[in-house]
């Protein structure tokens, strides 16, 4: 099993889009990239921890490779926005990838180079070595699955996941 930590705005969107991929065994929302140990959602939203809302994706590379995971990730958010995704504003919503080894870093940079021409602005995704990952509070786990009719989920999360499924339907279970 391999893992990668992905941040692309609200972690409900990224978790929802990663969870249904064949070969992804776990997608856990949490926090990473900052300096505060075991932060709370309220602390991260306070914008002083340095953490982003992220999802740790554990996957079987014999079923799905990192390139495909990254393609779906970039379809789930706008990687050209700095410290925001739509109306979600702040450094906790930045686009970021925390890699676990140099091979992953190489793959990430290759995918960014390949998709950059499809965007009108530079891709702003931060690419950094993995830092401590802190799981989010239990109520954030499987949030979209448990709350599909919640307004944010139906208006923001669902369209992003629908887009990814439309583009990459063959990768979903």
C-alpha atoms as a PDB file:
ATOM      1  CA  UNK A   1       0.000   0.000   0.000  1.00  0.00           C
ATOM      2  CA  UNK A   2       1.068   3.560  -0.743  1.00  0.00           C
ATOM      3  CA  UNK A   3      -0.235   6.833   0.610  1.00  0.00           C
ATOM      4  CA  UNK A   4      -0.373  10.455  -0.451  1.00  0.00           C
ATOM      5  CA  UNK A   5      -1.793  13.504   1.339  1.00  0.00           C
ATOM      6  CA  UNK A   6      -3.939  15.808  -0.813  1.00  0.00           C
ATOM      7  CA  UNK A   7      -5.415  19.214  -0.037  1.00  0.00           C
ATOM      8  CA  UNK A   8      -7.828  20.914  -2.401  1.00  0.00           C
ATOM      9  CA  UNK A   9     -10.173  23.083  -0.387  1.00  0.00           C
ATOM     10  CA  UNK A  10     -12.772  21.511   1.862  1.00  0.00           C
ATOM     11  CA  UNK A  11     -11.733  17.975   2.721  1.00  0.00           C
ATOM     12  CA  UNK A  12     -15.300  16.733   2.261  1.00  0.00           C
ATOM     13  CA  UNK A  13     -14.900  17.198  -1.517  1.00  0.00           C
ATOM     14  CA  UNK A  14     -11.555  15.440  -1.790  1.00  0.00           C
ATOM     15  CA  UNK A  15     -12.563  12.601   0.532  1.00  0.00           C
ATOM     16  CA  UNK A  16     -15.827  12.067  -1.358  1.00  0.00           C
ATOM     17  CA  UNK A  17     -14.064  11.983  -4.718  1.00  0.00           C
ATOM     18  CA  UNK A  18     -11.274   9.675  -3.590  1.00  0.00           C
ATOM     19  CA  UNK A  19     -13.400   7.231  -1.590  1.00  0.00           C
ATOM     20  CA  UNK A  20     -15.087   5.614  -4.560  1.00  0.00           C
ATOM     21  CA  UNK A  21     -11.947   4.969  -6.595  1.00  0.00           C
ATOM     22  CA  UNK A  22     -11.068   1.333  -7.208  1.00  0.00           C
ATOM     23  CA  UNK A  23      -7.802   0.644  -5.416  1.00  0.00           C
ATOM     24  CA  UNK A  24      -8.244   3.332  -2.754  1.00  0.00           C
ATOM     25  CA  UNK A  25      -8.542   1.459   0.508  1.00  0.00           C
ATOM     26  CA  UNK A  26      -8.935   4.496   2.760  1.00  0.00           C
ATOM     27  CA  UNK A  27      -9.457   8.242   2.413  1.00  0.00           C
ATOM     28  CA  UNK A  28      -9.148   9.985   5.775  1.00  0.00           C
ATOM     29  CA  UNK A  29      -9.861  13.699   6.257  1.00  0.00           C
ATOM     30  CA  UNK A  30      -7.469  15.586   8.466  1.00  0.00           C
ATOM     31  CA  UNK A  31      -4.939  18.360   8.793  1.00  0.00           C
ATOM     32  CA  UNK A  32      -1.336  18.684   7.667  1.00  0.00           C
ATOM     33  CA  UNK A  33       1.260  21.226   6.671  1.00  0.00           C
ATOM     34  CA  UNK A  34       1.321  23.238   9.868  1.00  0.00           C
ATOM     35  CA  UNK A  35       3.149  23.449  13.141  1.00  0.00           C
ATOM     36  CA  UNK A  36       0.454  22.804  15.762  1.00  0.00           C
ATOM     37  CA  UNK A  37       0.209  19.252  17.103  1.00  0.00           C
ATOM     38  CA  UNK A  38      -3.204  17.583  17.041  1.00  0.00           C
ATOM     39  CA  UNK A  39      -5.123  20.674  15.894  1.00  0.00           C
ATOM     40  CA  UNK A  40      -8.876  21.021  16.097  1.00  0.00           C
ATOM     41  CA  UNK A  41     -11.132  22.112  13.246  1.00  0.00           C
ATOM     42  CA  UNK A  42     -11.731  25.405  15.052  1.00  0.00           C
ATOM     43  CA  UNK A  43      -7.980  26.027  15.386  1.00  0.00           C
ATOM     44  CA  UNK A  44      -7.365  25.282  11.699  1.00  0.00           C
ATOM     45  CA  UNK A  45     -10.252  27.562  10.695  1.00  0.00           C
ATOM     46  CA  UNK A  46      -8.643  30.245  12.873  1.00  0.00           C
ATOM     47  CA  UNK A  47      -5.863  30.387  10.242  1.00  0.00           C
ATOM     48  CA  UNK A  48      -2.968  30.366  12.730  1.00  0.00           C
ATOM     49  CA  UNK A  49      -1.906  26.705  12.719  1.00  0.00           C
ATOM     50  CA  UNK A  50      -0.400  26.592   9.219  1.00  0.00           C
ATOM     51  CA  UNK A  51      -2.434  23.439   8.522  1.00  0.00           C
ATOM     52  CA  UNK A  52      -4.545  22.759   5.461  1.00  0.00           C
ATOM     53  CA  UNK A  53      -7.638  20.597   5.311  1.00  0.00           C
ATOM     54  CA  UNK A  54      -6.311  17.453   3.623  1.00  0.00           C
ATOM     55  CA  UNK A  55      -7.135  13.830   2.914  1.00  0.00           C
ATOM     56  CA  UNK A  56      -4.700  10.984   3.439  1.00  0.00           C
ATOM     57  CA  UNK A  57      -5.297   8.575   0.575  1.00  0.00           C
ATOM     58  CA  UNK A  58      -4.128   4.993   1.047  1.00  0.00           C
ATOM     59  CA  UNK A  59      -4.093   3.063  -2.213  1.00  0.00           C
ATOM     60  CA  UNK A  60      -3.003  -0.184  -3.817  1.00  0.00           C
ATOM     61  CA  UNK A  61      -0.640   0.761  -6.677  1.00  0.00           C
ATOM     62  CA  UNK A  62      -1.324  -2.575  -8.378  1.00  0.00           C
ATOM     63  CA  UNK A  63      -4.945  -1.414  -8.850  1.00  0.00           C
ATOM     64  CA  UNK A  64      -4.599   2.364  -9.274  1.00  0.00           C
ATOM     65  CA  UNK A  65      -1.442   4.349  -9.820  1.00  0.00           C
ATOM     66  CA  UNK A  66      -0.572   7.761  -8.421  1.00  0.00           C
ATOM     67  CA  UNK A  67      -0.968   9.452 -11.812  1.00  0.00           C
ATOM     68  CA  UNK A  68      -4.649   8.464 -11.960  1.00  0.00           C
ATOM     69  CA  UNK A  69      -5.237   9.555  -8.367  1.00  0.00           C
ATOM     70  CA  UNK A  70      -3.670  12.930  -9.149  1.00  0.00           C
ATOM     71  CA  UNK A  71      -5.763  13.376 -12.300  1.00  0.00           C
ATOM     72  CA  UNK A  72      -8.920  12.839 -10.245  1.00  0.00           C
ATOM     73  CA  UNK A  73      -7.604  15.148  -7.498  1.00  0.00           C
ATOM     74  CA  UNK A  74      -7.041  17.979  -9.974  1.00  0.00           C
ATOM     75  CA  UNK A  75     -10.553  17.461 -11.380  1.00  0.00           C
ATOM     76  CA  UNK A  76     -12.044  17.814  -7.887  1.00  0.00           C
ATOM     77  CA  UNK A  77     -10.792  21.366  -7.316  1.00  0.00           C
ATOM     78  CA  UNK A  78      -9.319  24.427  -9.011  1.00  0.00           C
ATOM     79  CA  UNK A  79      -5.554  24.145  -8.551  1.00  0.00           C
ATOM     80  CA  UNK A  80      -5.003  27.715  -9.776  1.00  0.00           C
ATOM     81  CA  UNK A  81      -6.679  29.353  -6.771  1.00  0.00           C
ATOM     82  CA  UNK A  82      -4.400  30.468  -3.950  1.00  0.00           C
ATOM     83  CA  UNK A  83      -5.650  29.941  -0.408  1.00  0.00           C
ATOM     84  CA  UNK A  84      -9.240  29.367  -1.484  1.00  0.00           C
ATOM     85  CA  UNK A  85     -11.705  27.186  -3.312  1.00  0.00           C
ATOM     86  CA  UNK A  86     -14.725  29.193  -4.377  1.00  0.00           C
ATOM     87  CA  UNK A  87     -16.262  30.806  -1.301  1.00  0.00           C
ATOM     88  CA  UNK A  88     -14.024  28.830   1.074  1.00  0.00           C
ATOM     89  CA  UNK A  89     -11.232  31.325   1.739  1.00  0.00           C
ATOM     90  CA  UNK A  90      -8.100  30.987   3.852  1.00  0.00           C
ATOM     91  CA  UNK A  91      -4.789  29.133   3.935  1.00  0.00           C
ATOM     92  CA  UNK A  92      -6.526  26.028   5.289  1.00  0.00           C
ATOM     93  CA  UNK A  93      -8.175  25.683   1.850  1.00  0.00           C
ATOM     94  CA  UNK A  94      -4.962  25.880  -0.166  1.00  0.00           C
ATOM     95  CA  UNK A  95      -4.175  23.396  -2.900  1.00  0.00           C
ATOM     96  CA  UNK A  96      -1.319  21.183  -1.718  1.00  0.00           C
ATOM     97  CA  UNK A  97       0.205  17.738  -2.030  1.00  0.00           C
ATOM     98  CA  UNK A  98       2.423  16.154   0.603  1.00  0.00           C
ATOM     99  CA  UNK A  99       4.478  13.346  -0.916  1.00  0.00           C
ATOM    100  CA  UNK A 100       6.207  10.489   0.885  1.00  0.00           C
ATOM    101  CA  UNK A 101       9.180   9.886  -1.418  1.00  0.00           C
ATOM    102  CA  UNK A 102      11.095  11.302  -4.381  1.00  0.00           C
ATOM    103  CA  UNK A 103       9.322   8.992  -6.817  1.00  0.00           C
ATOM    104  CA  UNK A 104       5.987  10.518  -5.813  1.00  0.00           C
ATOM    105  CA  UNK A 105       7.447  14.019  -6.142  1.00  0.00           C
ATOM    106  CA  UNK A 106       8.592  13.219  -9.690  1.00  0.00           C
ATOM    107  CA  UNK A 107       5.150  11.861 -10.630  1.00  0.00           C
ATOM    108  CA  UNK A 108       3.406  14.898  -9.103  1.00  0.00           C
ATOM    109  CA  UNK A 109       5.604  17.322 -11.048  1.00  0.00           C
ATOM    110  CA  UNK A 110       5.069  15.358 -14.272  1.00  0.00           C
ATOM    111  CA  UNK A 111       1.283  15.445 -13.883  1.00  0.00           C
ATOM    112  CA  UNK A 112       1.321  19.171 -13.103  1.00  0.00           C
ATOM    113  CA  UNK A 113       3.441  19.804 -16.218  1.00  0.00           C
ATOM    114  CA  UNK A 114       1.037  17.727 -18.323  1.00  0.00           C
ATOM    115  CA  UNK A 115      -2.133  19.455 -17.142  1.00  0.00           C
ATOM    116  CA  UNK A 116      -0.815  23.030 -16.856  1.00  0.00           C
ATOM    117  CA  UNK A 117      -1.640  23.873 -20.518  1.00  0.00           C
ATOM    118  CA  UNK A 118      -5.335  23.142 -19.850  1.00  0.00           C
ATOM    119  CA  UNK A 119      -5.547  25.990 -17.307  1.00  0.00           C
ATOM    120  CA  UNK A 120      -5.617  29.705 -18.030  1.00  0.00           C
ATOM    121  CA  UNK A 121      -3.585  30.525 -14.908  1.00  0.00           C
ATOM    122  CA  UNK A 122      -0.547  28.912 -13.303  1.00  0.00           C
ATOM    123  CA  UNK A 123      -1.190  25.888 -11.104  1.00  0.00           C
ATOM    124  CA  UNK A 124      -0.665  27.029  -7.511  1.00  0.00           C
ATOM    125  CA  UNK A 125      -0.529  23.599  -5.863  1.00  0.00           C
ATOM    126  CA  UNK A 126       2.156  23.444  -3.194  1.00  0.00           C
ATOM    127  CA  UNK A 127       4.250  20.270  -3.452  1.00  0.00           C
ATOM    128  CA  UNK A 128       6.100  19.413  -0.244  1.00  0.00           C
ATOM    129  CA  UNK A 129       7.452  16.423   1.673  1.00  0.00           C
ATOM    130  CA  UNK A 130       4.876  14.815   3.947  1.00  0.00           C
ATOM    131  CA  UNK A 131       4.542  16.290   7.392  1.00  0.00           C
ATOM    132  CA  UNK A 132       2.603  15.011  10.375  1.00  0.00           C
ATOM    133  CA  UNK A 133      -0.982  14.111   9.508  1.00  0.00           C
ATOM    134  CA  UNK A 134      -3.638  14.684  12.125  1.00  0.00           C
ATOM    135  CA  UNK A 135      -7.016  12.966  11.531  1.00  0.00           C
ATOM    136  CA  UNK A 136     -10.021  15.276  11.646  1.00  0.00           C
ATOM    137  CA  UNK A 137     -12.746  14.926  14.203  1.00  0.00           C
ATOM    138  CA  UNK A 138     -15.010  11.912  13.679  1.00  0.00           C
ATOM    139  CA  UNK A 139     -17.950  13.962  12.420  1.00  0.00           C
ATOM    140  CA  UNK A 140     -15.897  14.981   9.342  1.00  0.00           C
ATOM    141  CA  UNK A 141     -15.271  11.365   8.278  1.00  0.00           C
ATOM    142  CA  UNK A 142     -17.482  10.180   5.398  1.00  0.00           C
ATOM    143  CA  UNK A 143     -19.289  13.516   5.699  1.00  0.00           C
ATOM    144  CA  UNK A 144     -20.604  13.676   2.142  1.00  0.00           C
ATOM    145  CA  UNK A 145     -21.728  10.065   2.211  1.00  0.00           C
ATOM    146  CA  UNK A 146     -23.613  10.629   5.461  1.00  0.00           C
ATOM    147  CA  UNK A 147     -24.961  14.107   4.590  1.00  0.00           C
ATOM    148  CA  UNK A 148     -25.618  14.278   0.831  1.00  0.00           C
ATOM    149  CA  UNK A 149     -28.629  16.593   1.281  1.00  0.00           C
ATOM    150  CA  UNK A 150     -26.841  19.083   3.522  1.00  0.00           C
ATOM    151  CA  UNK A 151     -26.801  22.338   1.471  1.00  0.00           C
ATOM    152  CA  UNK A 152     -23.003  22.615   1.160  1.00  0.00           C
ATOM    153  CA  UNK A 153     -22.807  18.974   0.097  1.00  0.00           C
ATOM    154  CA  UNK A 154     -25.564  19.222  -2.504  1.00  0.00           C
ATOM    155  CA  UNK A 155     -24.436  22.597  -3.899  1.00  0.00           C
ATOM    156  CA  UNK A 156     -20.630  22.306  -3.705  1.00  0.00           C
ATOM    157  CA  UNK A 157     -19.438  18.751  -3.047  1.00  0.00           C
ATOM    158  CA  UNK A 158     -21.851  16.804  -5.269  1.00  0.00           C
ATOM    159  CA  UNK A 159     -21.088  18.763  -8.476  1.00  0.00           C
ATOM    160  CA  UNK A 160     -17.343  18.291  -7.984  1.00  0.00           C
ATOM    161  CA  UNK A 161     -17.712  14.554  -7.465  1.00  0.00           C
ATOM    162  CA  UNK A 162     -20.114  14.305 -10.430  1.00  0.00           C
ATOM    163  CA  UNK A 163     -17.527  16.043 -12.618  1.00  0.00           C
ATOM    164  CA  UNK A 164     -14.801  13.603 -11.538  1.00  0.00           C
ATOM    165  CA  UNK A 165     -17.058  10.589 -12.112  1.00  0.00           C
ATOM    166  CA  UNK A 166     -18.000  11.903 -15.548  1.00  0.00           C
ATOM    167  CA  UNK A 167     -14.332  12.357 -16.492  1.00  0.00           C
ATOM    168  CA  UNK A 168     -12.982   9.221 -14.829  1.00  0.00           C
ATOM    169  CA  UNK A 169     -15.978   6.881 -14.521  1.00  0.00           C
ATOM    170  CA  UNK A 170     -13.899   3.846 -15.413  1.00  0.00           C
ATOM    171  CA  UNK A 171     -11.839   4.356 -12.234  1.00  0.00           C
ATOM    172  CA  UNK A 172     -14.833   4.276  -9.891  1.00  0.00           C
ATOM    173  CA  UNK A 173     -16.473   1.223  -8.347  1.00  0.00           C
END
